[in-house]
N, C-alpha and C. Protein backbone atom coordinates (compact mmCIF):
# COMPACT_ATOMS: atom_id res chain seq x y z
N MET A 1 -53.34 -46.68 -14.86
CA MET A 1 -54.02 -45.68 -14.06
C MET A 1 -53.09 -44.49 -13.88
N SER A 2 -53.55 -43.31 -14.16
CA SER A 2 -52.70 -42.13 -14.05
C SER A 2 -53.03 -41.37 -12.79
N ALA A 3 -52.00 -40.82 -12.19
CA ALA A 3 -52.18 -40.05 -10.96
C ALA A 3 -52.57 -38.63 -11.33
N SER A 4 -53.42 -38.06 -10.55
CA SER A 4 -53.85 -36.69 -10.79
C SER A 4 -53.12 -35.75 -9.84
N ASN A 5 -52.67 -34.64 -10.38
CA ASN A 5 -51.98 -33.64 -9.55
C ASN A 5 -52.92 -32.55 -9.08
N SER A 6 -54.20 -32.69 -9.38
CA SER A 6 -55.13 -31.64 -8.97
C SER A 6 -55.54 -31.84 -7.52
N THR A 7 -55.83 -30.73 -6.89
CA THR A 7 -56.26 -30.78 -5.50
C THR A 7 -57.79 -30.82 -5.48
N PRO A 8 -58.36 -31.60 -4.58
CA PRO A 8 -59.81 -31.64 -4.53
C PRO A 8 -60.37 -30.28 -4.16
N PRO A 9 -61.56 -29.96 -4.66
CA PRO A 9 -62.14 -28.65 -4.32
C PRO A 9 -62.40 -28.56 -2.82
N ARG A 10 -62.21 -27.39 -2.27
CA ARG A 10 -62.39 -27.18 -0.84
C ARG A 10 -63.67 -26.40 -0.59
N ASP A 11 -64.25 -26.65 0.54
CA ASP A 11 -65.43 -25.93 0.98
C ASP A 11 -65.01 -24.52 1.33
N LYS A 12 -65.78 -23.53 0.88
CA LYS A 12 -65.40 -22.14 1.13
C LYS A 12 -65.43 -21.77 2.62
N ASP A 13 -66.08 -22.58 3.45
CA ASP A 13 -66.18 -22.27 4.88
C ASP A 13 -65.16 -23.01 5.73
N GLU A 14 -64.09 -23.52 5.13
CA GLU A 14 -63.11 -24.29 5.90
C GLU A 14 -62.14 -23.42 6.69
N ASN A 15 -62.17 -22.10 6.51
CA ASN A 15 -61.26 -21.21 7.23
C ASN A 15 -59.81 -21.61 6.99
N LEU A 16 -59.40 -21.62 5.71
CA LEU A 16 -58.06 -22.08 5.35
C LEU A 16 -56.99 -21.11 5.85
N ASP A 17 -55.92 -21.68 6.40
CA ASP A 17 -54.77 -20.90 6.82
C ASP A 17 -54.11 -20.33 5.57
N PRO A 18 -53.86 -19.02 5.53
CA PRO A 18 -53.30 -18.42 4.32
C PRO A 18 -51.88 -18.89 4.00
N ILE A 19 -51.16 -19.41 4.97
CA ILE A 19 -49.79 -19.85 4.73
C ILE A 19 -49.73 -21.33 4.40
N THR A 20 -50.36 -22.15 5.22
CA THR A 20 -50.25 -23.60 5.04
C THR A 20 -51.35 -24.19 4.19
N GLY A 21 -52.48 -23.47 4.04
CA GLY A 21 -53.60 -24.00 3.29
C GLY A 21 -54.43 -24.99 4.08
N GLU A 22 -54.08 -25.24 5.33
CA GLU A 22 -54.81 -26.19 6.17
C GLU A 22 -56.11 -25.55 6.66
N PRO A 23 -57.17 -26.35 6.79
CA PRO A 23 -58.42 -25.80 7.33
C PRO A 23 -58.28 -25.47 8.80
N GLY A 24 -59.11 -24.54 9.26
CA GLY A 24 -59.16 -24.22 10.68
C GLY A 24 -58.38 -22.98 11.08
N ALA A 25 -58.07 -22.07 10.14
CA ALA A 25 -57.35 -20.85 10.50
C ALA A 25 -58.27 -19.93 11.27
N HIS A 26 -57.71 -19.14 12.17
CA HIS A 26 -58.51 -18.24 12.99
C HIS A 26 -57.84 -16.88 13.05
N PRO A 27 -57.85 -16.14 11.92
CA PRO A 27 -57.16 -14.86 11.88
C PRO A 27 -57.74 -13.81 12.82
N ILE A 28 -59.03 -13.89 13.11
CA ILE A 28 -59.61 -12.90 14.01
C ILE A 28 -59.09 -13.10 15.43
N GLY A 29 -59.10 -14.34 15.91
CA GLY A 29 -58.60 -14.61 17.26
C GLY A 29 -57.13 -14.26 17.38
N THR A 30 -56.35 -14.60 16.36
CA THR A 30 -54.93 -14.29 16.37
C THR A 30 -54.71 -12.78 16.38
N GLY A 31 -55.43 -12.09 15.53
CA GLY A 31 -55.28 -10.64 15.42
C GLY A 31 -55.69 -9.91 16.69
N LEU A 32 -56.82 -10.31 17.25
CA LEU A 32 -57.27 -9.65 18.47
C LEU A 32 -56.32 -9.93 19.64
N GLY A 33 -55.81 -11.14 19.72
CA GLY A 33 -54.84 -11.45 20.76
C GLY A 33 -53.58 -10.61 20.59
N ALA A 34 -53.14 -10.44 19.34
CA ALA A 34 -51.95 -9.65 19.06
C ALA A 34 -52.14 -8.19 19.43
N VAL A 35 -53.28 -7.63 19.07
CA VAL A 35 -53.54 -6.22 19.37
C VAL A 35 -53.59 -5.98 20.87
N ALA A 36 -54.35 -6.83 21.57
CA ALA A 36 -54.50 -6.63 23.02
C ALA A 36 -53.17 -6.77 23.75
N ALA A 37 -52.46 -7.84 23.45
CA ALA A 37 -51.19 -8.06 24.15
C ALA A 37 -50.13 -7.05 23.71
N GLY A 38 -50.15 -6.66 22.45
CA GLY A 38 -49.20 -5.66 21.97
C GLY A 38 -49.38 -4.33 22.67
N ALA A 39 -50.62 -3.91 22.82
CA ALA A 39 -50.91 -2.65 23.50
C ALA A 39 -50.48 -2.71 24.96
N ALA A 40 -50.82 -3.80 25.62
CA ALA A 40 -50.47 -3.93 27.04
C ALA A 40 -48.96 -3.97 27.24
N SER A 41 -48.28 -4.74 26.40
CA SER A 41 -46.82 -4.85 26.54
C SER A 41 -46.13 -3.54 26.17
N GLY A 42 -46.67 -2.86 25.18
CA GLY A 42 -46.10 -1.57 24.79
C GLY A 42 -46.20 -0.55 25.92
N ALA A 43 -47.35 -0.53 26.57
CA ALA A 43 -47.53 0.39 27.69
C ALA A 43 -46.58 0.06 28.82
N LEU A 44 -46.44 -1.22 29.13
CA LEU A 44 -45.52 -1.62 30.19
C LEU A 44 -44.08 -1.28 29.81
N GLY A 45 -43.72 -1.58 28.55
CA GLY A 45 -42.35 -1.28 28.11
C GLY A 45 -42.07 0.21 28.14
N GLY A 46 -43.06 1.02 27.79
CA GLY A 46 -42.90 2.47 27.82
C GLY A 46 -42.71 2.99 29.23
N ALA A 47 -43.42 2.40 30.16
CA ALA A 47 -43.31 2.82 31.55
C ALA A 47 -41.95 2.47 32.12
N VAL A 48 -41.39 1.35 31.68
CA VAL A 48 -40.13 0.87 32.23
C VAL A 48 -38.93 1.46 31.50
N ALA A 49 -38.98 1.46 30.16
CA ALA A 49 -37.78 1.83 29.40
C ALA A 49 -37.99 2.96 28.40
N GLY A 50 -39.05 3.71 28.50
CA GLY A 50 -39.27 4.84 27.62
C GLY A 50 -39.76 4.42 26.24
N PRO A 51 -39.66 5.33 25.24
CA PRO A 51 -40.22 5.07 23.91
C PRO A 51 -39.66 3.82 23.22
N VAL A 52 -38.37 3.58 23.34
CA VAL A 52 -37.79 2.38 22.72
C VAL A 52 -38.35 1.13 23.40
N GLY A 53 -38.46 1.16 24.69
CA GLY A 53 -39.03 0.04 25.43
C GLY A 53 -40.48 -0.20 25.04
N ALA A 54 -41.20 0.89 24.78
CA ALA A 54 -42.60 0.75 24.36
C ALA A 54 -42.68 0.05 23.01
N ALA A 55 -41.82 0.43 22.08
CA ALA A 55 -41.84 -0.19 20.75
C ALA A 55 -41.47 -1.67 20.83
N VAL A 56 -40.41 -1.96 21.55
CA VAL A 56 -39.98 -3.35 21.69
C VAL A 56 -41.04 -4.16 22.43
N GLY A 57 -41.59 -3.60 23.48
CA GLY A 57 -42.64 -4.29 24.24
C GLY A 57 -43.87 -4.56 23.40
N ALA A 58 -44.22 -3.61 22.54
CA ALA A 58 -45.39 -3.80 21.69
C ALA A 58 -45.18 -4.95 20.71
N VAL A 59 -43.99 -5.03 20.13
CA VAL A 59 -43.70 -6.11 19.17
C VAL A 59 -43.71 -7.46 19.88
N ILE A 60 -43.02 -7.56 20.98
CA ILE A 60 -42.97 -8.83 21.72
C ILE A 60 -44.37 -9.21 22.20
N GLY A 61 -45.10 -8.24 22.72
CA GLY A 61 -46.45 -8.51 23.19
C GLY A 61 -47.38 -8.93 22.07
N ALA A 62 -47.24 -8.31 20.90
CA ALA A 62 -48.09 -8.67 19.77
C ALA A 62 -47.86 -10.11 19.34
N VAL A 63 -46.60 -10.51 19.30
CA VAL A 63 -46.30 -11.90 18.91
C VAL A 63 -46.87 -12.87 19.95
N ALA A 64 -46.60 -12.60 21.22
CA ALA A 64 -47.09 -13.49 22.28
C ALA A 64 -48.62 -13.50 22.31
N GLY A 65 -49.21 -12.32 22.19
CA GLY A 65 -50.67 -12.23 22.22
C GLY A 65 -51.31 -12.88 21.01
N GLY A 66 -50.66 -12.73 19.87
CA GLY A 66 -51.17 -13.38 18.65
C GLY A 66 -51.18 -14.88 18.81
N LEU A 67 -50.12 -15.43 19.38
CA LEU A 67 -50.06 -16.87 19.60
C LEU A 67 -51.12 -17.31 20.61
N ALA A 68 -51.31 -16.53 21.66
CA ALA A 68 -52.33 -16.89 22.66
C ALA A 68 -53.73 -16.79 22.05
N GLY A 69 -53.98 -15.71 21.31
CA GLY A 69 -55.28 -15.55 20.65
C GLY A 69 -55.54 -16.65 19.65
N LYS A 70 -54.50 -17.04 18.91
CA LYS A 70 -54.64 -18.12 17.95
C LYS A 70 -54.96 -19.43 18.66
N GLY A 71 -54.31 -19.65 19.80
CA GLY A 71 -54.56 -20.87 20.55
C GLY A 71 -55.99 -20.98 21.02
N ILE A 72 -56.53 -19.88 21.54
CA ILE A 72 -57.93 -19.90 21.99
C ILE A 72 -58.85 -20.04 20.79
N ALA A 73 -58.59 -19.28 19.74
CA ALA A 73 -59.46 -19.35 18.56
C ALA A 73 -59.40 -20.72 17.90
N GLU A 74 -58.23 -21.34 17.89
CA GLU A 74 -58.12 -22.66 17.26
C GLU A 74 -58.83 -23.74 18.05
N SER A 75 -59.11 -23.46 19.32
CA SER A 75 -59.86 -24.46 20.07
C SER A 75 -61.34 -24.43 19.67
N ILE A 76 -61.73 -23.44 18.87
CA ILE A 76 -63.09 -23.32 18.39
C ILE A 76 -63.08 -23.44 16.87
N ASP A 77 -63.74 -24.44 16.35
CA ASP A 77 -63.82 -24.65 14.91
C ASP A 77 -65.18 -24.14 14.44
N PRO A 78 -65.22 -22.96 13.81
CA PRO A 78 -66.50 -22.39 13.41
C PRO A 78 -67.28 -23.26 12.44
N THR A 79 -66.59 -24.00 11.59
CA THR A 79 -67.27 -24.89 10.65
C THR A 79 -67.97 -26.01 11.42
N ALA A 80 -67.28 -26.57 12.41
CA ALA A 80 -67.88 -27.64 13.21
C ALA A 80 -69.02 -27.11 14.07
N GLU A 81 -68.85 -25.91 14.63
CA GLU A 81 -69.92 -25.32 15.44
C GLU A 81 -71.17 -25.08 14.60
N ASP A 82 -70.99 -24.52 13.42
CA ASP A 82 -72.11 -24.27 12.53
C ASP A 82 -72.83 -25.57 12.18
N ALA A 83 -72.06 -26.61 11.88
CA ALA A 83 -72.65 -27.91 11.55
C ALA A 83 -73.39 -28.48 12.76
N TYR A 84 -72.78 -28.39 13.94
CA TYR A 84 -73.43 -28.91 15.15
C TYR A 84 -74.77 -28.22 15.38
N TRP A 85 -74.76 -26.89 15.37
CA TRP A 85 -75.99 -26.15 15.67
C TRP A 85 -77.02 -26.33 14.57
N GLY A 86 -76.57 -26.43 13.32
CA GLY A 86 -77.50 -26.67 12.23
C GLY A 86 -78.26 -27.98 12.39
N GLU A 87 -77.58 -28.97 12.96
CA GLU A 87 -78.20 -30.29 13.17
C GLU A 87 -79.00 -30.36 14.46
N ASN A 88 -78.67 -29.54 15.45
CA ASN A 88 -79.25 -29.70 16.78
C ASN A 88 -80.15 -28.56 17.27
N TYR A 89 -80.19 -27.45 16.55
CA TYR A 89 -80.93 -26.30 17.06
C TYR A 89 -82.41 -26.61 17.31
N ALA A 90 -83.03 -27.39 16.43
CA ALA A 90 -84.48 -27.62 16.51
C ALA A 90 -84.91 -28.32 17.79
N SER A 91 -83.98 -29.01 18.46
CA SER A 91 -84.34 -29.72 19.70
C SER A 91 -84.28 -28.82 20.93
N LYS A 92 -83.88 -27.59 20.76
CA LYS A 92 -83.74 -26.68 21.90
C LYS A 92 -85.09 -26.08 22.28
N PRO A 93 -85.35 -25.95 23.58
CA PRO A 93 -86.66 -25.47 24.03
C PRO A 93 -86.97 -24.02 23.64
N TYR A 94 -85.96 -23.22 23.37
CA TYR A 94 -86.18 -21.82 23.03
C TYR A 94 -86.49 -21.60 21.55
N VAL A 95 -86.37 -22.63 20.72
CA VAL A 95 -86.59 -22.47 19.28
C VAL A 95 -88.09 -22.44 19.01
N ALA A 96 -88.54 -21.36 18.38
CA ALA A 96 -89.95 -21.20 18.05
C ALA A 96 -90.32 -22.11 16.89
N LYS A 97 -91.48 -22.71 16.97
CA LYS A 97 -91.97 -23.60 15.93
C LYS A 97 -92.01 -22.84 14.59
N GLY A 98 -91.49 -23.47 13.56
CA GLY A 98 -91.49 -22.87 12.24
C GLY A 98 -90.29 -21.99 11.93
N HIS A 99 -89.43 -21.73 12.92
CA HIS A 99 -88.23 -20.93 12.67
C HIS A 99 -87.11 -21.84 12.18
N GLY A 100 -86.51 -21.48 11.06
CA GLY A 100 -85.40 -22.24 10.51
C GLY A 100 -84.09 -21.87 11.18
N TYR A 101 -83.07 -22.66 10.89
CA TYR A 101 -81.75 -22.41 11.46
C TYR A 101 -81.23 -21.03 11.10
N ASP A 102 -81.59 -20.55 9.91
CA ASP A 102 -81.11 -19.24 9.48
C ASP A 102 -81.50 -18.12 10.46
N GLN A 103 -82.58 -18.30 11.20
CA GLN A 103 -82.99 -17.29 12.18
C GLN A 103 -82.11 -17.33 13.44
N TYR A 104 -81.55 -18.49 13.74
CA TYR A 104 -80.76 -18.66 14.97
C TYR A 104 -79.25 -18.64 14.73
N LYS A 105 -78.84 -18.90 13.51
CA LYS A 105 -77.40 -19.00 13.22
C LYS A 105 -76.61 -17.78 13.70
N PRO A 106 -77.06 -16.54 13.42
CA PRO A 106 -76.26 -15.40 13.90
C PRO A 106 -76.12 -15.37 15.42
N ALA A 107 -77.12 -15.85 16.13
CA ALA A 107 -77.04 -15.88 17.60
C ALA A 107 -76.02 -16.91 18.05
N TYR A 108 -76.08 -18.10 17.46
CA TYR A 108 -75.08 -19.12 17.80
C TYR A 108 -73.68 -18.61 17.49
N GLN A 109 -73.53 -18.02 16.32
CA GLN A 109 -72.22 -17.52 15.91
C GLN A 109 -71.71 -16.45 16.87
N SER A 110 -72.60 -15.55 17.30
CA SER A 110 -72.14 -14.52 18.24
C SER A 110 -71.67 -15.16 19.55
N GLY A 111 -72.29 -16.26 19.94
CA GLY A 111 -71.88 -16.94 21.17
C GLY A 111 -70.53 -17.61 21.05
N TRP A 112 -70.31 -18.38 19.95
CA TRP A 112 -69.01 -19.06 19.86
C TRP A 112 -67.89 -18.07 19.59
N GLU A 113 -68.18 -17.00 18.84
CA GLU A 113 -67.14 -15.99 18.62
C GLU A 113 -66.85 -15.21 19.90
N ALA A 114 -67.88 -14.95 20.70
CA ALA A 114 -67.67 -14.24 21.96
C ALA A 114 -66.74 -15.03 22.88
N HIS A 115 -66.88 -16.35 22.86
CA HIS A 115 -65.99 -17.15 23.71
C HIS A 115 -64.55 -17.03 23.25
N SER A 116 -64.31 -16.98 21.94
CA SER A 116 -62.93 -16.87 21.47
C SER A 116 -62.33 -15.53 21.84
N LEU A 117 -63.16 -14.51 22.04
CA LEU A 117 -62.67 -13.19 22.42
C LEU A 117 -62.62 -13.00 23.94
N HIS A 118 -63.49 -13.72 24.65
CA HIS A 118 -63.63 -13.51 26.10
C HIS A 118 -63.62 -14.83 26.85
N ALA A 119 -62.67 -15.69 26.55
CA ALA A 119 -62.62 -17.01 27.17
C ALA A 119 -62.47 -16.93 28.69
N ASP A 120 -61.95 -15.84 29.17
CA ASP A 120 -61.73 -15.69 30.61
C ASP A 120 -62.91 -15.06 31.34
N LYS A 121 -64.01 -14.82 30.61
CA LYS A 121 -65.16 -14.16 31.22
C LYS A 121 -66.37 -15.08 31.23
N SER A 122 -67.30 -14.78 32.11
CA SER A 122 -68.54 -15.55 32.19
C SER A 122 -69.57 -14.94 31.23
N TRP A 123 -70.62 -15.70 30.97
CA TRP A 123 -71.70 -15.20 30.13
C TRP A 123 -72.27 -13.90 30.70
N ASP A 124 -72.47 -13.85 32.00
CA ASP A 124 -73.05 -12.67 32.62
C ASP A 124 -72.19 -11.42 32.41
N GLU A 125 -70.88 -11.61 32.29
CA GLU A 125 -69.98 -10.47 32.08
C GLU A 125 -70.03 -9.95 30.65
N ILE A 126 -70.39 -10.77 29.69
CA ILE A 126 -70.33 -10.34 28.29
C ILE A 126 -71.70 -10.15 27.63
N GLU A 127 -72.74 -10.64 28.26
CA GLU A 127 -74.06 -10.65 27.63
C GLU A 127 -74.54 -9.26 27.23
N SER A 128 -74.33 -8.26 28.04
CA SER A 128 -74.82 -6.91 27.69
C SER A 128 -74.12 -6.37 26.45
N GLY A 129 -72.85 -6.69 26.28
CA GLY A 129 -72.14 -6.26 25.06
C GLY A 129 -72.68 -6.95 23.82
N LEU A 130 -73.00 -8.23 23.95
CA LEU A 130 -73.57 -8.96 22.82
C LEU A 130 -74.95 -8.41 22.47
N GLU A 131 -75.70 -8.04 23.50
CA GLU A 131 -77.02 -7.45 23.26
C GLU A 131 -76.89 -6.16 22.47
N LYS A 132 -75.93 -5.33 22.84
CA LYS A 132 -75.72 -4.05 22.13
C LYS A 132 -75.35 -4.28 20.67
N ASP A 133 -74.59 -5.35 20.40
CA ASP A 133 -74.14 -5.64 19.04
C ASP A 133 -75.16 -6.41 18.20
N TRP A 134 -76.21 -6.93 18.82
CA TRP A 134 -77.12 -7.83 18.14
C TRP A 134 -77.74 -7.21 16.88
N ALA A 135 -78.18 -5.98 16.95
CA ALA A 135 -78.83 -5.36 15.79
C ALA A 135 -77.92 -5.34 14.57
N SER A 136 -76.63 -5.16 14.78
CA SER A 136 -75.70 -5.11 13.65
C SER A 136 -75.21 -6.50 13.23
N ARG A 137 -75.39 -7.49 14.07
CA ARG A 137 -74.90 -8.85 13.78
C ARG A 137 -75.97 -9.79 13.25
N LYS A 138 -77.24 -9.47 13.48
CA LYS A 138 -78.28 -10.45 13.21
C LYS A 138 -78.62 -10.65 11.74
N GLY A 139 -78.14 -9.76 10.89
CA GLY A 139 -78.40 -9.94 9.46
C GLY A 139 -79.89 -9.99 9.16
N THR A 140 -80.33 -11.08 8.53
CA THR A 140 -81.74 -11.20 8.16
C THR A 140 -82.58 -11.90 9.23
N SER A 141 -81.98 -12.25 10.35
CA SER A 141 -82.73 -12.88 11.43
C SER A 141 -83.78 -11.91 11.95
N LYS A 142 -84.95 -12.43 12.22
CA LYS A 142 -86.03 -11.60 12.74
C LYS A 142 -86.12 -11.68 14.27
N LEU A 143 -85.20 -12.40 14.89
CA LEU A 143 -85.22 -12.55 16.34
C LEU A 143 -84.77 -11.27 17.02
N ASP A 144 -85.46 -10.92 18.10
CA ASP A 144 -84.93 -9.84 18.93
C ASP A 144 -83.99 -10.49 19.95
N TRP A 145 -83.26 -9.67 20.68
CA TRP A 145 -82.25 -10.22 21.59
C TRP A 145 -82.86 -11.12 22.65
N ALA A 146 -84.06 -10.79 23.12
CA ALA A 146 -84.69 -11.60 24.16
C ALA A 146 -84.86 -13.06 23.70
N ASP A 147 -85.06 -13.27 22.41
CA ASP A 147 -85.18 -14.63 21.87
C ASP A 147 -83.83 -15.20 21.43
N ALA A 148 -82.96 -14.35 20.92
CA ALA A 148 -81.67 -14.81 20.39
C ALA A 148 -80.66 -15.14 21.48
N LYS A 149 -80.77 -14.50 22.63
CA LYS A 149 -79.75 -14.66 23.66
C LYS A 149 -79.63 -16.10 24.16
N HIS A 150 -80.69 -16.85 24.11
CA HIS A 150 -80.64 -18.24 24.58
C HIS A 150 -79.73 -19.08 23.67
N ALA A 151 -79.85 -18.87 22.37
CA ALA A 151 -78.99 -19.58 21.42
C ALA A 151 -77.54 -19.13 21.57
N SER A 152 -77.36 -17.84 21.73
CA SER A 152 -76.01 -17.30 21.89
C SER A 152 -75.34 -17.87 23.14
N ARG A 153 -76.10 -17.92 24.22
CA ARG A 153 -75.55 -18.46 25.47
C ARG A 153 -75.23 -19.95 25.32
N ASP A 154 -76.10 -20.69 24.64
CA ASP A 154 -75.83 -22.11 24.42
C ASP A 154 -74.50 -22.31 23.70
N ALA A 155 -74.28 -21.54 22.65
CA ALA A 155 -73.03 -21.69 21.88
C ALA A 155 -71.83 -21.25 22.70
N PHE A 156 -71.96 -20.15 23.45
CA PHE A 156 -70.88 -19.67 24.31
C PHE A 156 -70.49 -20.74 25.32
N GLU A 157 -71.49 -21.33 25.95
CA GLU A 157 -71.21 -22.34 26.98
C GLU A 157 -70.71 -23.64 26.38
N ARG A 158 -71.20 -24.01 25.21
CA ARG A 158 -70.73 -25.25 24.57
C ARG A 158 -69.23 -25.16 24.26
N VAL A 159 -68.79 -24.06 23.64
CA VAL A 159 -67.36 -23.97 23.31
C VAL A 159 -66.53 -23.75 24.57
N GLY A 160 -67.10 -23.11 25.59
CA GLY A 160 -66.39 -22.96 26.85
C GLY A 160 -66.14 -24.30 27.52
N THR A 161 -67.15 -25.15 27.51
CA THR A 161 -67.01 -26.49 28.08
C THR A 161 -65.96 -27.29 27.31
N ALA A 162 -66.01 -27.22 26.00
CA ALA A 162 -65.04 -27.94 25.17
C ALA A 162 -63.63 -27.41 25.40
N HIS A 163 -63.49 -26.08 25.52
CA HIS A 163 -62.17 -25.47 25.74
C HIS A 163 -61.61 -25.90 27.10
N ARG A 164 -62.44 -25.89 28.13
CA ARG A 164 -61.97 -26.31 29.46
C ARG A 164 -61.57 -27.78 29.45
N ALA A 165 -62.32 -28.61 28.73
CA ALA A 165 -61.98 -30.04 28.66
C ALA A 165 -60.64 -30.25 27.97
N LYS A 166 -60.37 -29.46 26.92
CA LYS A 166 -59.09 -29.60 26.19
C LYS A 166 -57.92 -29.12 27.02
N THR A 167 -58.13 -28.09 27.84
CA THR A 167 -57.01 -27.51 28.59
C THR A 167 -56.90 -28.06 30.00
N LYS A 168 -57.82 -28.91 30.40
CA LYS A 168 -57.78 -29.47 31.77
C LYS A 168 -56.48 -30.26 31.95
N GLY A 169 -55.82 -29.99 33.03
CA GLY A 169 -54.58 -30.71 33.31
C GLY A 169 -53.34 -30.05 32.72
N THR A 170 -53.51 -28.98 31.93
CA THR A 170 -52.33 -28.29 31.41
C THR A 170 -51.93 -27.20 32.39
N VAL A 171 -50.66 -26.87 32.38
CA VAL A 171 -50.15 -25.88 33.33
C VAL A 171 -50.18 -24.53 32.70
């Protein structure tokens, strides 16, 4: 029996980490965390130590923010969320008879992605922003926001509950 050195084919939706090749990379969460924290730290550093302090603060803040953003984003597995909702959407009371998952998927995705960006906010605080973005996010979905928001909220709350359960008891 000969050993094979080939790697098994990977699913294109595994979100592979570009460095390690492991599934579950979250470059958007990492990047957004880096940008937000970098800007905040740069402003603080500039106020305290002038232009050099701003530059140093931005770099330190970007690294710290990137790690924090990655941590929140990694608590959400988009592949698992998509699989969960694909299997469970039809049992939800807001799903219209005859509508396939493809009509609801963009709404679910906007909800789980919103949580990775706004984990510290409630649904009521972010819903209006999601509504404004819906027309550009919905792709081929024929749902208007009044119908899509229920799916989006379900996904937002599902990942929020999972995130709180994972972090419960941590300092």
